[in-house]
Amino acid sequence: MVEVISFQQALDRSGKAKRNLLLGNGFSIACEPRVFSYSSLYEQAQSSAFRTTPELQNVFQALETNDFEVAIRALEDSAKLIPIYAPAAPNLDQTILQHARTVKDALIRTIAENHPATPSEVSDQKFYACRNFLSNFIGSSSKGRVYTLNYDLLLYWAVMHDESLDGSEPIELTRDDGFRADQDNDSADYVIWNGEGDSFKQNIHYLHGAVHLFDAGSDLKKYTWVNTGIPLLTQARSAMDQSMFPLFVAEGTSQNKLAKIKHSAYLHHSFKSFYRVLQETNQSLFVYGHSLADNDQHVLDKIGKGRVRNLFISLYGSPQSSSNQQIIAKAQSLALMRNDRYPLDIQFYDAQSAQVWG
């Protein structure tokens, strides 16, 4: 039987090594269990929005993708060709464009239905507890990084929610997600990723994209509430109406996820940052809320083939549960990928003891 220590014990055992954090969906579930307990955006859309438009399920299957953007672009491009190849079906192009709009609406609606509309729906107590947790990695005296596999806004909201609680001292976080004001447009209601500038300072990385990051062609834009006073989900819908899409890695397999990552400068930069951290021996990695599932093998391989010595993995509930046994077995397989020169010391800690959201 494996030893399960407390989160504080894990911090103590990490010693003087820089601490880095990898977040899985359990981070969001711990905040709002009834909201974020869904398997994937595509599966949820398939069971709701696509039910009334069965052709769309066939579109995703024919394209062999779960990527909403791929499906939308394919539909819109097809509509342009219909008048050429099927002039006898004058309304077919409009039908296809309507289906493209259905996919767009399904994407943003699926996100919205599984997300608090504004930060005010999450209590100050929860945000304070989360910032306390994050301070172990990106606090004012910490030099670590945070990597998240989640699409949602909870991490973004938490690092921005810097108010004190009931007279308590505010919790200072060093936060840099690599986005800066657009120097060519001072009045822009967004910020852009400065990939050729200060990205080496970046210490917050969305490895699979996020709902507030939009591909605008030559730039990756991040929408903010501060610049507009408009809720981010409302801004997301407006951006999609302008044919800009959230930067998501929504593919079902690890191989397809990695392919999507390599085709995005931002995602590839973040992925390489994760790789570089794991190649350093003076680092430790804490994993919270991730099941070590095979569909994220591209991430796990970097751990198994890295040099970082200490890996701390959260377990929720009994270590004897089937889900935790799978996590333990997967973790042990990562250790077997190492050689004697760079062994991997794996320790498990109780997820609840971290009190991530209080």
Protein backbone atom coordinates (compact mmCIF):
# COMPACT_ATOMS: atom_id res chain seq x y z
CA MET A 1 0.00 0.00 0.00
CA VAL A 2 1.41 3.38 -0.98
CA GLU A 3 2.01 6.12 1.56
CA VAL A 4 -0.30 9.14 1.23
CA ILE A 5 1.07 12.21 2.92
CA SER A 6 -0.47 15.62 3.53
CA PHE A 7 0.06 18.52 1.15
CA GLN A 8 2.14 20.30 3.79
CA GLN A 9 4.35 17.25 4.15
CA ALA A 10 4.79 17.22 0.39
CA LEU A 11 5.87 20.86 0.47
CA ASP A 12 8.33 20.09 3.26
CA ARG A 13 9.77 17.12 1.37
CA SER A 14 10.24 19.18 -1.78
CA GLY A 15 13.00 21.02 0.09
CA LYS A 16 14.71 23.91 -1.65
CA ALA A 17 13.85 22.78 -5.16
CA LYS A 18 11.73 25.13 -7.26
CA ARG A 19 8.14 23.97 -7.14
CA ASN A 20 6.07 23.78 -10.31
CA LEU A 21 2.38 22.89 -10.60
CA LEU A 22 0.43 20.92 -13.20
CA LEU A 23 -3.36 21.31 -12.92
CA GLY A 24 -5.97 18.91 -14.23
CA ASN A 25 -9.76 19.11 -14.30
CA GLY A 26 -9.89 18.17 -10.62
CA PHE A 27 -8.79 21.73 -9.88
CA SER A 28 -12.02 23.05 -11.38
CA ILE A 29 -14.17 20.24 -9.98
CA ALA A 30 -12.91 21.03 -6.47
CA CYS A 31 -14.29 24.55 -6.89
CA GLU A 32 -17.63 23.76 -8.52
CA PRO A 33 -18.29 19.97 -8.62
CA ARG A 34 -21.70 20.25 -10.30
CA VAL A 35 -20.38 22.59 -12.98
CA PHE A 36 -17.10 21.16 -14.19
CA SER A 37 -17.68 17.41 -13.99
CA TYR A 38 -17.96 16.75 -17.71
CA SER A 39 -15.79 14.58 -19.89
CA SER A 40 -15.31 16.80 -22.92
CA LEU A 41 -16.83 19.72 -24.78
CA TYR A 42 -17.53 17.58 -27.80
CA GLU A 43 -19.27 14.81 -25.88
CA GLN A 44 -21.53 17.28 -24.13
CA ALA A 45 -22.39 19.12 -27.34
CA GLN A 46 -23.04 15.79 -29.00
CA SER A 47 -25.62 14.89 -26.38
CA SER A 48 -27.41 18.25 -26.56
CA ALA A 49 -26.91 20.75 -29.38
CA PHE A 50 -26.04 18.20 -32.06
CA ARG A 51 -28.98 15.97 -31.28
CA THR A 52 -31.30 18.14 -33.37
CA THR A 53 -28.79 18.32 -36.23
CA PRO A 54 -27.59 14.75 -36.79
CA GLU A 55 -25.58 15.77 -39.86
CA LEU A 56 -23.10 17.50 -37.55
CA GLN A 57 -22.17 14.28 -35.82
CA ASN A 58 -21.39 12.86 -39.26
CA VAL A 59 -19.30 15.93 -40.09
CA PHE A 60 -17.05 15.41 -37.06
CA GLN A 61 -16.79 11.70 -37.84
CA ALA A 62 -15.94 12.31 -41.50
CA LEU A 63 -13.24 14.83 -40.54
CA GLU A 64 -11.97 12.46 -37.82
CA THR A 65 -11.78 15.25 -35.28
CA ASN A 66 -13.33 16.57 -32.09
CA ASP A 67 -11.94 20.02 -32.87
CA PHE A 68 -14.76 22.55 -33.23
CA GLU A 69 -12.63 24.94 -35.27
CA VAL A 70 -11.77 22.28 -37.84
CA ALA A 71 -15.45 21.44 -38.30
CA ILE A 72 -16.53 25.07 -38.54
CA ARG A 73 -13.88 25.97 -41.10
CA ALA A 74 -14.68 22.87 -43.18
CA LEU A 75 -18.37 23.75 -43.24
CA GLU A 76 -17.77 27.38 -44.18
CA ASP A 77 -15.32 26.40 -46.95
CA SER A 78 -17.75 23.81 -48.28
CA ALA A 79 -20.52 26.38 -48.49
CA LYS A 80 -18.36 28.46 -50.84
CA LEU A 81 -18.02 25.52 -53.24
CA ILE A 82 -21.67 24.43 -53.34
CA PRO A 83 -22.74 27.02 -55.98
CA ILE A 84 -19.96 25.70 -58.24
CA TYR A 85 -20.46 21.97 -57.85
CA ALA A 86 -24.14 21.77 -56.98
CA PRO A 87 -25.92 24.71 -58.68
CA ALA A 88 -29.16 22.71 -58.69
CA ALA A 89 -29.22 22.93 -54.87
CA PRO A 90 -29.35 26.71 -54.40
CA ASN A 91 -30.20 26.60 -50.70
CA LEU A 92 -27.65 23.99 -49.67
CA ASP A 93 -24.88 26.52 -49.08
CA GLN A 94 -27.11 28.43 -46.66
CA THR A 95 -27.98 25.21 -44.85
CA ILE A 96 -24.30 24.42 -44.43
CA LEU A 97 -23.56 27.94 -43.17
CA GLN A 98 -26.40 27.57 -40.68
CA HIS A 99 -24.84 24.33 -39.46
CA ALA A 100 -21.52 26.15 -39.05
CA ARG A 101 -23.31 28.72 -36.87
CA THR A 102 -24.86 25.86 -34.90
CA VAL A 103 -21.39 24.49 -34.14
CA LYS A 104 -20.18 27.93 -33.05
CA ASP A 105 -23.16 28.37 -30.77
CA ALA A 106 -22.74 24.84 -29.41
CA LEU A 107 -19.13 25.53 -28.49
CA ILE A 108 -19.73 28.73 -26.58
CA ARG A 109 -23.01 27.48 -25.10
CA THR A 110 -21.39 24.28 -23.85
CA ILE A 111 -18.68 26.34 -22.18
CA ALA A 112 -21.16 28.83 -20.76
CA GLU A 113 -23.43 26.14 -19.37
CA ASN A 114 -20.47 24.66 -17.52
CA HIS A 115 -18.94 27.84 -16.22
CA PRO A 116 -19.82 30.58 -13.72
CA ALA A 117 -20.77 33.65 -15.71
CA THR A 118 -18.67 36.08 -13.65
CA PRO A 119 -16.08 35.88 -10.84
CA SER A 120 -18.71 37.13 -8.39
CA GLU A 121 -20.30 33.68 -8.52
CA VAL A 122 -17.20 32.30 -6.76
CA SER A 123 -16.83 33.43 -3.14
CA ASP A 124 -13.97 35.60 -1.93
CA GLN A 125 -13.15 32.86 0.58
CA LYS A 126 -12.60 30.37 -2.24
CA PHE A 127 -10.40 32.75 -4.19
CA TYR A 128 -8.33 33.55 -1.09
CA ALA A 129 -7.80 29.85 -0.38
CA CYS A 130 -6.83 29.24 -4.01
CA ARG A 131 -4.33 32.09 -4.01
CA ASN A 132 -2.84 30.67 -0.81
CA PHE A 133 -2.43 27.33 -2.59
CA LEU A 134 -0.92 28.95 -5.69
CA SER A 135 1.50 30.99 -3.59
CA ASN A 136 3.49 27.83 -2.96
CA PHE A 137 4.43 27.91 -6.64
CA ILE A 138 4.14 31.50 -7.87
CA GLY A 139 4.18 33.45 -4.62
CA SER A 140 6.30 36.57 -4.21
CA SER A 141 9.21 34.46 -2.94
CA SER A 142 8.60 31.50 -5.27
CA LYS A 143 10.22 31.00 -8.66
CA GLY A 144 8.05 28.21 -10.03
CA ARG A 145 5.54 27.94 -12.84
CA VAL A 146 1.92 26.88 -13.17
CA TYR A 147 0.79 24.72 -16.10
CA THR A 148 -2.88 23.97 -16.58
CA LEU A 149 -4.70 21.58 -18.89
CA ASN A 150 -8.05 23.26 -18.22
CA TYR A 151 -9.97 25.52 -20.62
CA ASP A 152 -11.90 27.45 -18.00
CA LEU A 153 -11.36 30.83 -16.38
CA LEU A 154 -10.94 29.78 -12.75
CA LEU A 155 -7.14 29.99 -12.70
CA TYR A 156 -7.23 33.36 -14.49
CA TRP A 157 -9.83 34.69 -12.07
CA ALA A 158 -7.89 33.43 -9.05
CA VAL A 159 -4.59 35.05 -10.00
CA MET A 160 -6.39 38.34 -10.74
CA HIS A 161 -8.45 38.30 -7.52
CA ASP A 162 -5.90 40.05 -5.32
CA GLU A 163 -8.21 41.56 -2.70
CA SER A 164 -7.55 40.77 0.97
CA LEU A 165 -10.09 38.81 3.01
CA ASP A 166 -11.62 40.14 6.25
CA GLY A 167 -8.59 42.23 7.11
CA SER A 168 -6.09 39.47 6.29
CA GLU A 169 -2.88 40.34 4.51
CA PRO A 170 -3.27 40.11 0.72
CA ILE A 171 -1.56 37.14 -0.89
CA GLU A 172 0.95 38.34 -3.44
CA LEU A 173 1.42 36.26 -6.59
CA THR A 174 3.89 36.72 -9.41
CA ARG A 175 1.74 36.40 -12.50
CA ASP A 176 2.83 36.60 -16.09
CA ASP A 177 0.94 34.74 -18.80
CA GLY A 178 2.99 36.32 -21.59
CA PHE A 179 0.28 38.72 -22.83
CA ARG A 180 0.93 42.43 -23.29
CA ALA A 181 -0.87 45.49 -24.64
CA ASP A 182 -0.97 45.73 -28.43
CA GLN A 183 1.64 48.39 -29.25
CA ASP A 184 -0.04 49.03 -32.58
CA ASN A 185 -3.43 49.65 -30.97
CA ASP A 186 -3.26 51.37 -27.59
CA SER A 187 -7.05 51.49 -27.23
CA ALA A 188 -7.60 47.78 -27.98
CA ASP A 189 -10.03 45.92 -25.72
CA TYR A 190 -7.68 42.93 -25.68
CA VAL A 191 -4.02 42.08 -25.08
CA ILE A 192 -1.81 39.95 -27.31
CA TRP A 193 0.71 37.21 -26.62
CA ASN A 194 4.18 38.68 -26.91
CA GLY A 195 5.81 35.58 -28.33
CA GLU A 196 8.91 37.37 -29.58
CA GLY A 197 9.39 39.56 -26.52
CA ASP A 198 9.06 38.74 -22.85
CA SER A 199 7.77 35.17 -23.14
CA PHE A 200 10.79 33.86 -21.21
CA LYS A 201 9.31 35.54 -18.12
CA GLN A 202 6.01 33.71 -18.54
CA ASN A 203 5.14 31.60 -15.50
CA ILE A 204 1.48 30.75 -16.19
CA HIS A 205 0.81 28.45 -19.13
CA TYR A 206 -2.44 27.12 -20.61
CA LEU A 207 -1.09 23.94 -22.19
CA HIS A 208 -4.36 23.16 -23.99
CA GLY A 209 -5.62 26.70 -24.55
CA ALA A 210 -8.46 28.47 -22.78
CA VAL A 211 -11.84 30.09 -23.30
CA HIS A 212 -10.41 33.64 -23.19
CA LEU A 213 -7.63 33.03 -25.73
CA PHE A 214 -8.57 33.64 -29.37
CA ASP A 215 -6.72 32.99 -32.60
CA ALA A 216 -6.92 36.18 -34.64
CA GLY A 217 -4.65 35.05 -37.46
CA SER A 218 -1.41 36.95 -37.01
CA ASP A 219 -1.99 37.42 -33.27
CA LEU A 220 -3.21 35.42 -30.31
CA LYS A 221 -5.55 37.69 -28.37
CA LYS A 222 -6.60 37.47 -24.75
CA TYR A 223 -9.83 39.14 -23.80
CA THR A 224 -10.00 40.79 -20.39
CA TRP A 225 -12.75 42.21 -18.23
CA VAL A 226 -10.51 45.05 -17.05
CA ASN A 227 -10.27 46.64 -20.49
CA THR A 228 -13.98 46.49 -21.30
CA GLY A 229 -16.11 45.75 -18.24
CA ILE A 230 -17.81 43.08 -20.38
CA PRO A 231 -17.96 39.48 -19.08
CA LEU A 232 -15.42 37.29 -20.84
CA LEU A 233 -17.98 34.75 -22.02
CA THR A 234 -19.93 37.56 -23.70
CA GLN A 235 -16.73 38.73 -25.39
CA ALA A 236 -16.06 35.16 -26.50
CA ARG A 237 -19.41 34.96 -28.28
CA SER A 238 -18.74 38.29 -30.02
CA ALA A 239 -15.29 37.11 -31.15
CA MET A 240 -16.75 33.96 -32.65
CA ASP A 241 -19.24 36.05 -34.57
CA GLN A 242 -16.17 37.65 -36.16
CA SER A 243 -14.81 34.21 -37.13
CA MET A 244 -12.24 34.13 -34.34
CA PHE A 245 -12.09 30.89 -32.41
CA PRO A 246 -11.06 29.98 -28.88
CA LEU A 247 -7.67 28.33 -28.78
CA PHE A 248 -8.60 24.83 -27.60
CA VAL A 249 -6.90 21.47 -27.81
CA ALA A 250 -10.10 19.43 -27.91
CA GLU A 251 -8.86 16.38 -29.82
CA GLY A 252 -9.57 13.00 -28.30
CA THR A 253 -6.14 11.34 -28.52
CA SER A 254 -2.75 12.33 -27.18
CA GLN A 255 -1.23 12.13 -30.66
CA ASN A 256 -3.81 14.49 -32.13
CA LYS A 257 -3.45 16.85 -29.19
CA LEU A 258 0.28 17.05 -29.74
CA ALA A 259 -0.23 17.78 -33.44
CA LYS A 260 -2.53 20.70 -32.57
CA ILE A 261 -0.01 21.99 -30.01
CA LYS A 262 2.83 21.98 -32.53
CA HIS A 263 0.78 24.08 -34.96
CA SER A 264 0.30 26.91 -32.45
CA ALA A 265 3.23 29.15 -31.50
CA TYR A 266 1.71 29.87 -28.09
CA LEU A 267 0.85 26.26 -27.24
CA HIS A 268 4.19 24.99 -28.50
CA HIS A 269 6.04 27.60 -26.45
CA SER A 270 4.16 26.55 -23.31
CA PHE A 271 4.75 22.89 -24.03
CA LYS A 272 8.48 23.51 -24.51
CA SER A 273 8.55 25.48 -21.26
CA PHE A 274 7.08 22.46 -19.47
CA TYR A 275 9.72 20.26 -21.13
CA ARG A 276 12.57 22.57 -20.11
CA VAL A 277 11.46 22.67 -16.48
CA LEU A 278 11.38 18.88 -16.35
CA GLN A 279 14.92 18.70 -17.71
CA GLU A 280 16.27 20.52 -14.66
CA THR A 281 17.28 18.56 -11.56
CA ASN A 282 16.68 21.45 -9.15
CA GLN A 283 12.93 21.41 -9.81
CA SER A 284 9.99 19.54 -8.32
CA LEU A 285 6.61 18.97 -9.93
CA PHE A 286 3.28 18.89 -8.11
CA VAL A 287 0.31 17.41 -9.99
CA TYR A 288 -3.14 18.31 -8.72
CA GLY A 289 -6.46 17.03 -10.01
CA HIS A 290 -5.17 14.97 -12.93
CA SER A 291 -5.90 11.30 -13.56
CA LEU A 292 -2.72 10.68 -15.62
CA ALA A 293 -5.00 9.44 -18.41
CA ASP A 294 -3.60 8.12 -21.68
CA ASN A 295 -5.13 10.96 -23.71
CA ASP A 296 -2.55 13.25 -22.08
CA GLN A 297 0.37 10.91 -22.69
CA HIS A 298 2.19 13.67 -24.60
CA VAL A 299 2.41 15.54 -21.29
CA LEU A 300 3.19 12.49 -19.16
CA ASP A 301 6.03 11.45 -21.49
CA LYS A 302 7.83 14.69 -20.68
CA ILE A 303 7.71 13.75 -17.00
CA GLY A 304 8.87 10.21 -17.59
CA LYS A 305 11.70 11.27 -19.88
CA GLY A 306 12.73 14.27 -17.80
CA ARG A 307 15.31 14.77 -15.09
CA VAL A 308 13.23 16.37 -12.34
CA ARG A 309 13.63 14.17 -9.29
CA ASN A 310 10.57 14.76 -7.12
CA LEU A 311 7.04 14.22 -8.39
CA PHE A 312 4.13 14.79 -6.01
CA ILE A 313 0.73 13.55 -7.20
CA SER A 314 -2.63 14.23 -5.59
CA LEU A 315 -5.05 11.41 -4.77
CA TYR A 316 -8.67 12.10 -3.92
CA GLY A 317 -10.25 9.62 -1.55
CA SER A 318 -9.05 6.14 -0.74
CA PRO A 319 -5.81 5.09 -2.43
CA GLN A 320 -7.46 1.68 -2.85
CA SER A 321 -10.18 3.01 -5.17
CA SER A 322 -9.98 1.83 -8.75
CA SER A 323 -9.36 5.34 -10.09
CA ASN A 324 -6.52 5.95 -7.67
CA GLN A 325 -5.04 2.53 -8.36
CA GLN A 326 -4.90 3.48 -12.03
CA ILE A 327 -3.14 6.74 -11.14
CA ILE A 328 -0.63 4.90 -8.97
CA ALA A 329 0.08 2.33 -11.68
CA LYS A 330 0.50 5.06 -14.29
CA ALA A 331 2.85 6.99 -12.04
CA GLN A 332 4.95 3.91 -11.47
CA SER A 333 5.20 3.40 -15.23
CA LEU A 334 6.65 6.92 -15.51
CA ALA A 335 9.33 6.02 -12.99
CA LEU A 336 10.28 3.01 -15.10
CA MET A 337 11.05 5.35 -18.00
CA ARG A 338 13.98 6.82 -16.05
CA ASN A 339 17.55 5.57 -15.90
CA ASP A 340 19.72 5.21 -12.78
CA ARG A 341 21.29 8.62 -13.32
CA TYR A 342 17.99 10.50 -13.10
CA PRO A 343 15.60 8.46 -10.93
CA LEU A 344 12.06 9.69 -10.33
CA ASP A 345 10.93 9.82 -6.72
CA ILE A 346 7.12 9.67 -6.71
CA GLN A 347 5.10 10.59 -3.65
CA PHE A 348 1.35 10.85 -3.26
CA TYR A 349 -0.47 13.46 -1.23
CA ASP A 350 -4.06 13.84 -0.10
CA ALA A 351 -5.85 16.22 -2.46
CA GLN A 352 -8.27 17.43 0.19
CA SER A 353 -5.42 18.40 2.50
CA ALA A 354 -4.29 21.00 -0.06
CA GLN A 355 -7.55 22.93 0.59
CA VAL A 356 -7.25 24.45 -2.86
CA TRP A 357 -10.59 26.21 -2.61
CA GLY A 358 -10.87 26.22 1.18
